[in-house]
Amino acid sequence: MGTSLTPEFWERFAVLLVVAIGVTCVLTASFDALAVRLLRRRVRRQPEQVGAASTVADHRASVHT
């Protein structure tokens, strides 16, 4: 009892496949851009802290204002 795959099925399958590939590419590019932006932001902040002597107090937020 096999079912035959109609041309309508293949058309719908092709459309959904192209949409899925497009969404995957857009999401991948978006997450890649976000990762690069975060890495660049992190690299920019590192040189400022290289020259300073690091102590435990430098890393803690002040409780008193």
N, C-alpha and C. Protein backbone atom coordinates (compact mmCIF):
# COMPACT_ATOMS: atom_id res chain seq x y z
N MET A 1 0.82 -1.19 0.00
CA MET A 1 0.00 0.00 0.00
C MET A 1 0.87 1.26 0.00
N GLY A 2 1.61 1.45 -1.03
CA GLY A 2 2.46 2.63 -1.13
C GLY A 2 1.67 3.83 -1.61
N THR A 3 2.10 4.97 -1.19
CA THR A 3 1.45 6.20 -1.64
C THR A 3 2.34 6.85 -2.69
N SER A 4 1.73 7.44 -3.66
CA SER A 4 2.52 8.12 -4.68
C SER A 4 2.72 9.58 -4.27
N LEU A 5 3.91 10.06 -4.50
CA LEU A 5 4.21 11.45 -4.16
C LEU A 5 3.86 12.32 -5.35
N THR A 6 2.91 13.19 -5.11
CA THR A 6 2.37 14.02 -6.19
C THR A 6 3.28 15.21 -6.48
N PRO A 7 3.12 15.81 -7.64
CA PRO A 7 3.89 17.02 -7.96
C PRO A 7 3.65 18.15 -6.95
N GLU A 8 2.45 18.21 -6.40
CA GLU A 8 2.15 19.23 -5.40
C GLU A 8 3.03 19.03 -4.16
N PHE A 9 3.21 17.77 -3.76
CA PHE A 9 4.07 17.47 -2.61
C PHE A 9 5.49 17.95 -2.88
N TRP A 10 6.04 17.62 -4.05
CA TRP A 10 7.41 17.99 -4.37
C TRP A 10 7.58 19.50 -4.45
N GLU A 11 6.56 20.19 -4.94
CA GLU A 11 6.63 21.65 -5.01
C GLU A 11 6.66 22.24 -3.60
N ARG A 12 5.78 21.74 -2.75
CA ARG A 12 5.73 22.23 -1.37
C ARG A 12 7.03 21.88 -0.64
N PHE A 13 7.53 20.68 -0.86
CA PHE A 13 8.78 20.25 -0.25
C PHE A 13 9.93 21.17 -0.66
N ALA A 14 10.02 21.49 -1.95
CA ALA A 14 11.08 22.36 -2.44
C ALA A 14 10.99 23.75 -1.84
N VAL A 15 9.78 24.28 -1.73
CA VAL A 15 9.59 25.62 -1.15
C VAL A 15 10.01 25.62 0.32
N LEU A 16 9.58 24.62 1.06
CA LEU A 16 9.93 24.55 2.48
C LEU A 16 11.43 24.34 2.68
N LEU A 17 12.04 23.55 1.80
CA LEU A 17 13.49 23.34 1.89
C LEU A 17 14.25 24.63 1.65
N VAL A 18 13.85 25.40 0.65
CA VAL A 18 14.51 26.67 0.36
C VAL A 18 14.31 27.65 1.51
N VAL A 19 13.11 27.69 2.08
CA VAL A 19 12.84 28.58 3.21
C VAL A 19 13.69 28.18 4.41
N ALA A 20 13.79 26.88 4.69
CA ALA A 20 14.59 26.40 5.81
C ALA A 20 16.07 26.75 5.62
N ILE A 21 16.58 26.59 4.40
CA ILE A 21 17.97 26.94 4.13
C ILE A 21 18.18 28.44 4.30
N GLY A 22 17.24 29.24 3.82
CA GLY A 22 17.35 30.69 3.97
C GLY A 22 17.35 31.13 5.42
N VAL A 23 16.44 30.58 6.21
CA VAL A 23 16.37 30.93 7.63
C VAL A 23 17.65 30.51 8.34
N THR A 24 18.16 29.34 8.01
CA THR A 24 19.41 28.87 8.61
C THR A 24 20.56 29.81 8.29
N CYS A 25 20.67 30.23 7.04
CA CYS A 25 21.75 31.14 6.65
C CYS A 25 21.64 32.49 7.35
N VAL A 26 20.43 33.03 7.44
CA VAL A 26 20.23 34.32 8.09
C VAL A 26 20.56 34.23 9.58
N LEU A 27 20.09 33.18 10.25
CA LEU A 27 20.39 33.03 11.67
C LEU A 27 21.88 32.82 11.91
N THR A 28 22.52 32.04 11.06
CA THR A 28 23.96 31.81 11.20
C THR A 28 24.73 33.12 11.04
N ALA A 29 24.38 33.89 10.04
CA ALA A 29 25.05 35.18 9.82
C ALA A 29 24.81 36.14 10.98
N SER A 30 23.59 36.13 11.52
CA SER A 30 23.28 37.02 12.65
C SER A 30 24.07 36.64 13.89
N PHE A 31 24.10 35.35 14.22
CA PHE A 31 24.84 34.91 15.40
C PHE A 31 26.34 35.10 15.21
N ASP A 32 26.83 34.95 13.99
CA ASP A 32 28.24 35.17 13.71
C ASP A 32 28.59 36.65 13.91
N ALA A 33 27.75 37.53 13.41
CA ALA A 33 27.98 38.97 13.59
C ALA A 33 27.94 39.35 15.06
N LEU A 34 27.02 38.75 15.81
CA LEU A 34 26.93 39.03 17.24
C LEU A 34 28.18 38.55 17.96
N ALA A 35 28.67 37.37 17.61
CA ALA A 35 29.88 36.84 18.25
C ALA A 35 31.08 37.72 17.94
N VAL A 36 31.21 38.16 16.70
CA VAL A 36 32.33 39.03 16.32
C VAL A 36 32.25 40.35 17.06
N ARG A 37 31.04 40.90 17.18
CA ARG A 37 30.86 42.17 17.89
C ARG A 37 31.26 42.03 19.36
N LEU A 38 30.85 40.91 19.99
CA LEU A 38 31.21 40.70 21.39
C LEU A 38 32.71 40.50 21.56
N LEU A 39 33.34 39.78 20.65
CA LEU A 39 34.79 39.59 20.74
C LEU A 39 35.53 40.90 20.55
N ARG A 40 35.08 41.73 19.61
CA ARG A 40 35.74 43.02 19.40
C ARG A 40 35.59 43.92 20.62
N ARG A 41 34.42 43.89 21.24
CA ARG A 41 34.20 44.70 22.43
C ARG A 41 35.11 44.23 23.56
N ARG A 42 35.27 42.91 23.69
CA ARG A 42 36.11 42.35 24.73
C ARG A 42 37.58 42.69 24.48
N VAL A 43 38.02 42.66 23.23
CA VAL A 43 39.41 42.97 22.88
C VAL A 43 39.70 44.44 23.15
N ARG A 44 38.73 45.30 22.87
CA ARG A 44 38.92 46.74 23.12
C ARG A 44 39.13 47.03 24.59
N ARG A 45 38.47 46.31 25.45
CA ARG A 45 38.57 46.58 26.89
C ARG A 45 39.85 46.01 27.50
N GLN A 46 40.44 44.98 26.94
CA GLN A 46 41.61 44.35 27.53
C GLN A 46 42.83 45.26 27.60
N PRO A 47 43.20 46.01 26.55
CA PRO A 47 44.41 46.84 26.66
C PRO A 47 44.35 47.88 27.78
N GLU A 48 43.17 48.34 28.14
CA GLU A 48 43.06 49.31 29.22
C GLU A 48 43.47 48.70 30.55
N GLN A 49 43.20 47.41 30.75
CA GLN A 49 43.47 46.75 32.01
C GLN A 49 44.88 46.15 32.06
N VAL A 50 45.59 46.08 30.94
CA VAL A 50 46.90 45.45 30.92
C VAL A 50 47.90 46.25 31.74
N GLY A 51 47.90 47.57 31.62
CA GLY A 51 48.88 48.40 32.32
C GLY A 51 48.61 48.55 33.81
N ALA A 52 47.39 48.39 34.22
CA ALA A 52 47.04 48.58 35.62
C ALA A 52 47.36 47.33 36.41
N ALA A 53 47.75 47.54 37.66
CA ALA A 53 47.99 46.41 38.56
C ALA A 53 46.64 45.85 38.97
N SER A 54 46.50 44.56 38.79
CA SER A 54 45.20 43.97 39.12
C SER A 54 45.18 43.51 40.56
N THR A 55 44.16 43.91 41.25
CA THR A 55 43.94 43.48 42.63
C THR A 55 42.52 43.00 42.75
N VAL A 56 42.23 42.38 43.84
CA VAL A 56 40.88 41.88 44.08
C VAL A 56 39.90 43.05 44.17
N ALA A 57 40.34 44.16 44.72
CA ALA A 57 39.47 45.32 44.87
C ALA A 57 39.06 45.90 43.52
N ASP A 58 39.90 45.74 42.50
CA ASP A 58 39.57 46.27 41.17
C ASP A 58 38.36 45.56 40.57
N HIS A 59 38.17 44.32 40.93
CA HIS A 59 37.13 43.52 40.30
C HIS A 59 35.80 43.57 41.06
N ARG A 60 35.79 44.13 42.23
CA ARG A 60 34.56 44.17 43.03
C ARG A 60 33.85 45.51 42.86
N ALA A 61 32.55 45.45 42.82
CA ALA A 61 31.77 46.67 42.73
C ALA A 61 31.65 47.30 44.11
N SER A 62 31.65 48.60 44.15
CA SER A 62 31.55 49.30 45.42
C SER A 62 30.13 49.21 45.95
N VAL A 63 30.02 48.88 47.23
CA VAL A 63 28.72 48.79 47.87
C VAL A 63 28.28 50.16 48.34
N HIS A 64 29.24 50.99 48.71
CA HIS A 64 28.94 52.32 49.24
C HIS A 64 28.95 53.34 48.11
N THR A 65 27.96 54.18 48.11
CA THR A 65 27.91 55.21 47.07
C THR A 65 27.99 56.59 47.65
